């Protein structure tokens, strides 16, 4: 029981500390921990998974040449 109370007290102190920082600092807000908000990663061209996926899909569409695409005429689905 003592361990649980100690853990709850430590979490409460941490939450109180964050609240004090946000309320009393001018323009206080939580730090942006997203990959896209990190300027050092931006310099190294590192993106979050969603952004990287969008970039790769855009690049793939640019490489596709639909003029050379051919379709089979007499094929049934699944065969």
PDB file of N, CA and C in Angstrom:
ATOM      1  N   UNK A   1       0.823  -1.190   0.000  1.00  0.00           N
ATOM      2  CA  UNK A   1       0.000   0.000   0.000  1.00  0.00           C
ATOM      3  C   UNK A   1       0.873   1.263   0.000  1.00  0.00           C
ATOM      4  N   UNK A   2       1.996   1.195   0.725  1.00  0.00           N
ATOM      5  CA  UNK A   2       2.892   2.343   0.786  1.00  0.00           C
ATOM      6  C   UNK A   2       3.474   2.650  -0.591  1.00  0.00           C
ATOM      7  N   UNK A   3       3.782   1.601  -1.349  1.00  0.00           N
ATOM      8  CA  UNK A   3       4.364   1.788  -2.677  1.00  0.00           C
ATOM      9  C   UNK A   3       3.364   2.469  -3.605  1.00  0.00           C
ATOM     10  N   UNK A   4       2.114   2.059  -3.530  1.00  0.00           N
ATOM     11  CA  UNK A   4       1.077   2.656  -4.381  1.00  0.00           C
ATOM     12  C   UNK A   4       0.889   4.131  -4.030  1.00  0.00           C
ATOM     13  N   UNK A   5       0.835   4.448  -2.744  1.00  0.00           N
ATOM     14  CA  UNK A   5       0.687   5.843  -2.322  1.00  0.00           C
ATOM     15  C   UNK A   5       1.891   6.684  -2.738  1.00  0.00           C
ATOM     16  N   UNK A   6       3.075   6.113  -2.647  1.00  0.00           N
ATOM     17  CA  UNK A   6       4.286   6.821  -3.063  1.00  0.00           C
ATOM     18  C   UNK A   6       4.255   7.082  -4.572  1.00  0.00           C
ATOM     19  N   UNK A   7       3.830   6.096  -5.342  1.00  0.00           N
ATOM     20  CA  UNK A   7       3.741   6.261  -6.795  1.00  0.00           C
ATOM     21  C   UNK A   7       2.715   7.328  -7.157  1.00  0.00           C
ATOM     22  N   UNK A   8       1.562   7.310  -6.526  1.00  0.00           N
ATOM     23  CA  UNK A   8       0.529   8.318  -6.779  1.00  0.00           C
ATOM     24  C   UNK A   8       1.038   9.708  -6.408  1.00  0.00           C
ATOM     25  N   UNK A   9       1.745   9.816  -5.298  1.00  0.00           N
ATOM     26  CA  UNK A   9       2.298  11.106  -4.874  1.00  0.00           C
ATOM     27  C   UNK A   9       3.319  11.617  -5.884  1.00  0.00           C
ATOM     28  N   UNK A  10       4.175  10.768  -6.391  1.00  0.00           N
ATOM     29  CA  UNK A  10       5.181  11.188  -7.369  1.00  0.00           C
ATOM     30  C   UNK A  10       4.532  11.626  -8.681  1.00  0.00           C
ATOM     31  N   UNK A  11       3.520  10.905  -9.126  1.00  0.00           N
ATOM     32  CA  UNK A  11       2.805  11.302 -10.340  1.00  0.00           C
ATOM     33  C   UNK A  11       2.101  12.640 -10.121  1.00  0.00           C
ATOM     34  N   UNK A  12       1.498  12.839  -8.965  1.00  0.00           N
ATOM     35  CA  UNK A  12       0.821  14.100  -8.654  1.00  0.00           C
ATOM     36  C   UNK A  12       1.813  15.259  -8.644  1.00  0.00           C
ATOM     37  N   UNK A  13       2.997  15.054  -8.102  1.00  0.00           N
ATOM     38  CA  UNK A  13       4.015  16.107  -8.092  1.00  0.00           C
ATOM     39  C   UNK A  13       4.437  16.444  -9.520  1.00  0.00           C
ATOM     40  N   UNK A  14       4.594  15.436 -10.343  1.00  0.00           N
ATOM     41  CA  UNK A  14       4.970  15.669 -11.744  1.00  0.00           C
ATOM     42  C   UNK A  14       3.911  16.445 -12.503  1.00  0.00           C
ATOM     43  N   UNK A  15       2.657  16.070 -12.329  1.00  0.00           N
ATOM     44  CA  UNK A  15       1.564  16.773 -12.997  1.00  0.00           C
ATOM     45  C   UNK A  15       1.465  18.208 -12.493  1.00  0.00           C
ATOM     46  N   UNK A  16       1.631  18.403 -11.210  1.00  0.00           N
ATOM     47  CA  UNK A  16       1.607  19.751 -10.642  1.00  0.00           C
ATOM     48  C   UNK A  16       2.746  20.601 -11.208  1.00  0.00           C
ATOM     49  N   UNK A  17       3.916  20.009 -11.347  1.00  0.00           N
ATOM     50  CA  UNK A  17       5.055  20.736 -11.912  1.00  0.00           C
ATOM     51  C   UNK A  17       4.798  21.177 -13.343  1.00  0.00           C
ATOM     52  N   UNK A  18       4.205  20.303 -14.157  1.00  0.00           N
ATOM     53  CA  UNK A  18       3.879  20.686 -15.535  1.00  0.00           C
ATOM     54  C   UNK A  18       2.820  21.776 -15.562  1.00  0.00           C
ATOM     55  N   UNK A  19       1.834  21.687 -14.682  1.00  0.00           N
ATOM     56  CA  UNK A  19       0.777  22.690 -14.635  1.00  0.00           C
ATOM     57  C   UNK A  19       1.335  24.053 -14.252  1.00  0.00           C
ATOM     58  N   UNK A  20       2.240  24.076 -13.287  1.00  0.00           N
ATOM     59  CA  UNK A  20       2.851  25.336 -12.860  1.00  0.00           C
ATOM     60  C   UNK A  20       3.614  25.954 -14.014  1.00  0.00           C
ATOM     61  N   UNK A  21       4.338  25.151 -14.752  1.00  0.00           N
ATOM     62  CA  UNK A  21       5.118  25.665 -15.889  1.00  0.00           C
ATOM     63  C   UNK A  21       4.195  26.270 -16.945  1.00  0.00           C
ATOM     64  N   UNK A  22       3.110  25.600 -17.239  1.00  0.00           N
ATOM     65  CA  UNK A  22       2.195  26.080 -18.275  1.00  0.00           C
ATOM     66  C   UNK A  22       1.481  27.352 -17.829  1.00  0.00           C
ATOM     67  N   UNK A  23       1.058  27.410 -16.578  1.00  0.00           N
ATOM     68  CA  UNK A  23       0.272  28.539 -16.095  1.00  0.00           C
ATOM     69  C   UNK A  23       1.134  29.780 -15.874  1.00  0.00           C
ATOM     70  N   UNK A  24       2.301  29.627 -15.294  1.00  0.00           N
ATOM     71  CA  UNK A  24       3.073  30.787 -14.867  1.00  0.00           C
ATOM     72  C   UNK A  24       4.114  31.274 -15.866  1.00  0.00           C
ATOM     73  N   UNK A  25       4.517  30.494 -16.808  1.00  0.00           N
ATOM     74  CA  UNK A  25       5.468  30.967 -17.802  1.00  0.00           C
ATOM     75  C   UNK A  25       4.728  31.709 -18.901  1.00  0.00           C
ATOM     76  N   UNK A  26       5.334  32.778 -19.382  1.00  0.00           N
ATOM     77  CA  UNK A  26       4.722  33.550 -20.456  1.00  0.00           C
ATOM     78  C   UNK A  26       4.686  32.696 -21.716  1.00  0.00           C
ATOM     79  N   UNK A  27       3.486  32.545 -22.280  1.00  0.00           N
ATOM     80  CA  UNK A  27       3.337  31.703 -23.465  1.00  0.00           C
ATOM     81  C   UNK A  27       3.584  30.238 -23.156  1.00  0.00           C
ATOM     82  N   UNK A  28       3.339  29.827 -21.931  1.00  0.00           N
ATOM     83  CA  UNK A  28       3.597  28.453 -21.525  1.00  0.00           C
ATOM     84  C   UNK A  28       2.749  27.454 -22.278  1.00  0.00           C
ATOM     85  N   UNK A  29       3.376  26.440 -22.805  1.00  0.00           N
ATOM     86  CA  UNK A  29       2.671  25.363 -23.486  1.00  0.00           C
ATOM     87  C   UNK A  29       3.565  24.131 -23.460  1.00  0.00           C
ATOM     88  N   UNK A  30       2.990  23.001 -23.787  1.00  0.00           N
ATOM     89  CA  UNK A  30       3.759  21.780 -23.823  1.00  0.00           C
ATOM     90  C   UNK A  30       4.750  21.817 -24.986  1.00  0.00           C
ATOM     91  N   UNK A  31       5.868  21.209 -24.805  1.00  0.00           N
ATOM     92  CA  UNK A  31       6.881  21.135 -25.844  1.00  0.00           C
ATOM     93  C   UNK A  31       6.384  20.224 -26.961  1.00  0.00           C
ATOM     94  N   UNK A  32       6.644  20.608 -28.210  1.00  0.00           N
ATOM     95  CA  UNK A  32       6.251  19.796 -29.354  1.00  0.00           C
ATOM     96  C   UNK A  32       7.222  18.626 -29.464  1.00  0.00           C
ATOM     97  N   UNK A  33       6.742  17.431 -29.190  1.00  0.00           N
ATOM     98  CA  UNK A  33       7.598  16.249 -29.232  1.00  0.00           C
ATOM     99  C   UNK A  33       7.428  15.463 -30.515  1.00  0.00           C
ATOM    100  N   UNK A  34       6.634  15.987 -31.453  1.00  0.00           N
ATOM    101  CA  UNK A  34       6.419  15.309 -32.719  1.00  0.00           C
ATOM    102  C   UNK A  34       7.678  15.399 -33.578  1.00  0.00           C
ATOM    103  N   UNK A  35       7.925  14.402 -34.374  1.00  0.00           N
ATOM    104  CA  UNK A  35       9.112  14.357 -35.222  1.00  0.00           C
ATOM    105  C   UNK A  35       9.147  15.563 -36.149  1.00  0.00           C
ATOM    106  N   UNK A  36       7.998  15.968 -36.670  1.00  0.00           N
ATOM    107  CA  UNK A  36       7.935  17.096 -37.594  1.00  0.00           C
ATOM    108  C   UNK A  36       8.286  18.423 -36.957  1.00  0.00           C
ATOM    109  N   UNK A  37       8.233  18.521 -35.640  1.00  0.00           N
ATOM    110  CA  UNK A  37       8.552  19.763 -34.956  1.00  0.00           C
ATOM    111  C   UNK A  37       9.996  19.867 -34.521  1.00  0.00           C
ATOM    112  N   UNK A  38      10.823  18.887 -34.843  1.00  0.00           N
ATOM    113  CA  UNK A  38      12.213  18.875 -34.421  1.00  0.00           C
ATOM    114  C   UNK A  38      13.092  19.416 -35.545  1.00  0.00           C
ATOM    115  N   UNK A  39      13.719  20.586 -35.320  1.00  0.00           N
ATOM    116  CA  UNK A  39      14.501  21.225 -36.385  1.00  0.00           C
ATOM    117  C   UNK A  39      15.757  20.439 -36.742  1.00  0.00           C
ATOM    118  N   UNK A  40      16.327  19.717 -35.805  1.00  0.00           N
ATOM    119  CA  UNK A  40      17.524  18.923 -36.102  1.00  0.00           C
ATOM    120  C   UNK A  40      17.195  17.751 -37.031  1.00  0.00           C
ATOM    121  N   UNK A  41      16.046  17.129 -36.818  1.00  0.00           N
ATOM    122  CA  UNK A  41      15.638  16.040 -37.701  1.00  0.00           C
ATOM    123  C   UNK A  41      15.242  16.573 -39.074  1.00  0.00           C
ATOM    124  N   UNK A  42      14.656  17.770 -39.127  1.00  0.00           N
ATOM    125  CA  UNK A  42      14.309  18.363 -40.413  1.00  0.00           C
ATOM    126  C   UNK A  42      15.550  18.591 -41.263  1.00  0.00           C
ATOM    127  N   UNK A  43      16.633  19.031 -40.623  1.00  0.00           N
ATOM    128  CA  UNK A  43      17.884  19.254 -41.360  1.00  0.00           C
ATOM    129  C   UNK A  43      18.418  17.964 -41.960  1.00  0.00           C
ATOM    130  N   UNK A  44      18.175  16.843 -41.280  1.00  0.00           N
ATOM    131  CA  UNK A  44      18.642  15.545 -41.758  1.00  0.00           C
ATOM    132  C   UNK A  44      17.609  14.869 -42.659  1.00  0.00           C
ATOM    133  N   UNK A  45      16.526  15.584 -42.960  1.00  0.00           N
ATOM    134  CA  UNK A  45      15.455  15.096 -43.832  1.00  0.00           C
ATOM    135  C   UNK A  45      14.778  13.849 -43.269  1.00  0.00           C
ATOM    136  N   UNK A  46      14.571  13.842 -41.947  1.00  0.00           N
ATOM    137  CA  UNK A  46      13.853  12.756 -41.278  1.00  0.00           C
ATOM    138  C   UNK A  46      12.433  13.239 -41.026  1.00  0.00           C
ATOM    139  N   UNK A  47      11.447  12.452 -41.430  1.00  0.00           N
ATOM    140  CA  UNK A  47      10.042  12.814 -41.274  1.00  0.00           C
ATOM    141  C   UNK A  47       9.336  11.744 -40.448  1.00  0.00           C
ATOM    142  N   UNK A  48       8.110  12.082 -40.006  1.00  0.00           N
ATOM    143  CA  UNK A  48       7.299  11.082 -39.319  1.00  0.00           C
ATOM    144  C   UNK A  48       6.829  10.050 -40.342  1.00  0.00           C
ATOM    145  N   UNK A  49       6.306   8.956 -39.880  1.00  0.00           N
ATOM    146  CA  UNK A  49       5.912   7.852 -40.760  1.00  0.00           C
ATOM    147  C   UNK A  49       4.838   8.284 -41.754  1.00  0.00           C
ATOM    148  N   UNK A  50       3.866   9.069 -41.324  1.00  0.00           N
ATOM    149  CA  UNK A  50       2.792   9.487 -42.220  1.00  0.00           C
ATOM    150  C   UNK A  50       3.322  10.409 -43.318  1.00  0.00           C
ATOM    151  N   UNK A  51       4.162  11.358 -42.946  1.00  0.00           N
ATOM    152  CA  UNK A  51       4.718  12.273 -43.933  1.00  0.00           C
ATOM    153  C   UNK A  51       5.614  11.530 -44.904  1.00  0.00           C
ATOM    154  N   UNK A  52       6.435  10.621 -44.392  1.00  0.00           N
ATOM    155  CA  UNK A  52       7.325   9.842 -45.257  1.00  0.00           C
ATOM    156  C   UNK A  52       6.508   9.000 -46.236  1.00  0.00           C
ATOM    157  N   UNK A  53       5.397   8.435 -45.776  1.00  0.00           N
ATOM    158  CA  UNK A  53       4.534   7.638 -46.647  1.00  0.00           C
ATOM    159  C   UNK A  53       3.936   8.500 -47.752  1.00  0.00           C
ATOM    160  N   UNK A  54       3.472   9.704 -47.421  1.00  0.00           N
ATOM    161  CA  UNK A  54       2.908  10.604 -48.422  1.00  0.00           C
ATOM    162  C   UNK A  54       3.951  10.984 -49.470  1.00  0.00           C
ATOM    163  N   UNK A  55       5.174  11.247 -49.025  1.00  0.00           N
ATOM    164  CA  UNK A  55       6.250  11.604 -49.952  1.00  0.00           C
ATOM    165  C   UNK A  55       6.542  10.451 -50.894  1.00  0.00           C
ATOM    166  N   UNK A  56       6.642   9.244 -50.350  1.00  0.00           N
ATOM    167  CA  UNK A  56       6.946   8.080 -51.186  1.00  0.00           C
ATOM    168  C   UNK A  56       5.813   7.769 -52.161  1.00  0.00           C
ATOM    169  N   UNK A  57       4.562   7.925 -51.724  1.00  0.00           N
ATOM    170  CA  UNK A  57       3.443   7.695 -52.637  1.00  0.00           C
ATOM    171  C   UNK A  57       3.442   8.721 -53.768  1.00  0.00           C
ATOM    172  N   UNK A  58       3.737   9.979 -53.443  1.00  0.00           N
ATOM    173  CA  UNK A  58       3.806  11.009 -54.477  1.00  0.00           C
ATOM    174  C   UNK A  58       4.922  10.699 -55.478  1.00  0.00           C
ATOM    175  N   UNK A  59       6.076  10.273 -54.984  1.00  0.00           N
ATOM    176  CA  UNK A  59       7.179   9.925 -55.877  1.00  0.00           C
ATOM    177  C   UNK A  59       6.844   8.719 -56.748  1.00  0.00           C
ATOM    178  N   UNK A  60       6.134   7.745 -56.182  1.00  0.00           N
ATOM    179  CA  UNK A  60       5.760   6.559 -56.947  1.00  0.00           C
ATOM    180  C   UNK A  60       4.791   6.926 -58.068  1.00  0.00           C
ATOM    181  N   UNK A  61       3.844   7.806 -57.791  1.00  0.00           N
ATOM    182  CA  UNK A  61       2.890   8.220 -58.828  1.00  0.00           C
ATOM    183  C   UNK A  61       3.594   8.955 -59.957  1.00  0.00           C
ATOM    184  N   UNK A  62       4.631   9.690 -59.620  1.00  0.00           N
ATOM    185  CA  UNK A  62       5.367  10.413 -60.662  1.00  0.00           C
ATOM    186  C   UNK A  62       6.097   9.451 -61.597  1.00  0.00           C
ATOM    187  N   UNK A  63       6.503   8.302 -61.085  1.00  0.00           N
ATOM    188  CA  UNK A  63       7.264   7.343 -61.874  1.00  0.00           C
ATOM    189  C   UNK A  63       6.380   6.466 -62.763  1.00  0.00           C
ATOM    190  N   UNK A  64       5.107   6.382 -62.449  1.00  0.00           N
ATOM    191  CA  UNK A  64       4.207   5.514 -63.212  1.00  0.00           C
ATOM    192  C   UNK A  64       3.929   6.145 -64.578  1.00  0.00           C
ATOM    193  N   UNK A  65       4.053   5.334 -65.604  1.00  0.00           N
ATOM    194  CA  UNK A  65       3.742   5.811 -66.953  1.00  0.00           C
ATOM    195  C   UNK A  65       2.542   5.011 -67.454  1.00  0.00           C
ATOM    196  N   UNK A  66       1.379   5.641 -67.458  1.00  0.00           N
ATOM    197  CA  UNK A  66       0.161   4.942 -67.819  1.00  0.00           C
ATOM    198  C   UNK A  66       0.057   4.700 -69.318  1.00  0.00           C
ATOM    199  N   UNK A  67       0.845   5.395 -70.109  1.00  0.00           N
ATOM    200  CA  UNK A  67       0.786   5.202 -71.559  1.00  0.00           C
ATOM    201  C   UNK A  67       1.263   3.805 -71.939  1.00  0.00           C
ATOM    202  N   UNK A  68       2.141   3.241 -71.153  1.00  0.00           N
ATOM    203  CA  UNK A  68       2.696   1.920 -71.449  1.00  0.00           C
ATOM    204  C   UNK A  68       1.913   0.791 -70.793  1.00  0.00           C
ATOM    205  N   UNK A  69       0.874   1.111 -70.049  1.00  0.00           N
ATOM    206  CA  UNK A  69       0.102   0.087 -69.356  1.00  0.00           C
ATOM    207  C   UNK A  69      -0.788  -0.672 -70.340  1.00  0.00           C
ATOM    208  N   UNK A  70      -0.827  -1.983 -70.160  1.00  0.00           N
ATOM    209  CA  UNK A  70      -1.710  -2.807 -70.996  1.00  0.00           C
ATOM    210  C   UNK A  70      -2.562  -3.690 -70.078  1.00  0.00           C
ATOM    211  N   UNK A  71      -3.742  -4.034 -70.541  1.00  0.00           N
ATOM    212  CA  UNK A  71      -4.651  -4.844 -69.748  1.00  0.00           C
ATOM    213  C   UNK A  71      -5.037  -6.078 -70.567  1.00  0.00           C
ATOM    214  N   UNK A  72      -5.144  -7.195 -69.899  1.00  0.00           N
ATOM    215  CA  UNK A  72      -5.552  -8.431 -70.571  1.00  0.00           C
ATOM    216  C   UNK A  72      -7.056  -8.374 -70.846  1.00  0.00           C
ATOM    217  N   UNK A  73      -7.478  -8.797 -71.998  1.00  0.00           N
ATOM    218  CA  UNK A  73      -8.866  -8.686 -72.400  1.00  0.00           C
ATOM    219  C   UNK A  73      -9.732  -9.845 -71.904  1.00  0.00           C
ATOM    220  N   UNK A  74      -9.246 -11.084 -71.951  1.00  0.00           N
ATOM    221  CA  UNK A  74     -10.092 -12.245 -71.719  1.00  0.00           C
ATOM    222  C   UNK A  74      -9.803 -12.957 -70.403  1.00  0.00           C
ATOM    223  N   UNK A  75      -9.380 -12.259 -69.409  1.00  0.00           N
ATOM    224  CA  UNK A  75      -9.080 -12.896 -68.121  1.00  0.00           C
ATOM    225  C   UNK A  75     -10.248 -12.737 -67.173  1.00  0.00           C
ATOM    226  N   UNK A  76     -10.586 -13.797 -66.441  1.00  0.00           N
ATOM    227  CA  UNK A  76     -11.617 -13.739 -65.426  1.00  0.00           C
ATOM    228  C   UNK A  76     -10.965 -13.476 -64.080  1.00  0.00           C
ATOM    229  N   UNK A  77     -11.693 -12.857 -63.170  1.00  0.00           N
ATOM    230  CA  UNK A  77     -11.154 -12.529 -61.865  1.00  0.00           C
ATOM    231  C   UNK A  77     -10.765 -13.776 -61.115  1.00  0.00           C
ATOM    232  N   UNK A  78      -9.591 -13.788 -60.536  1.00  0.00           N
ATOM    233  CA  UNK A  78      -9.137 -14.907 -59.726  1.00  0.00           C
ATOM    234  C   UNK A  78      -8.472 -16.002 -60.504  1.00  0.00           C
ATOM    235  N   UNK A  79      -8.319 -15.884 -61.796  1.00  0.00           N
ATOM    236  CA  UNK A  79      -7.687 -16.943 -62.603  1.00  0.00           C
ATOM    237  C   UNK A  79      -6.476 -16.425 -63.297  1.00  0.00           C
TER     238      UNK A  79
END
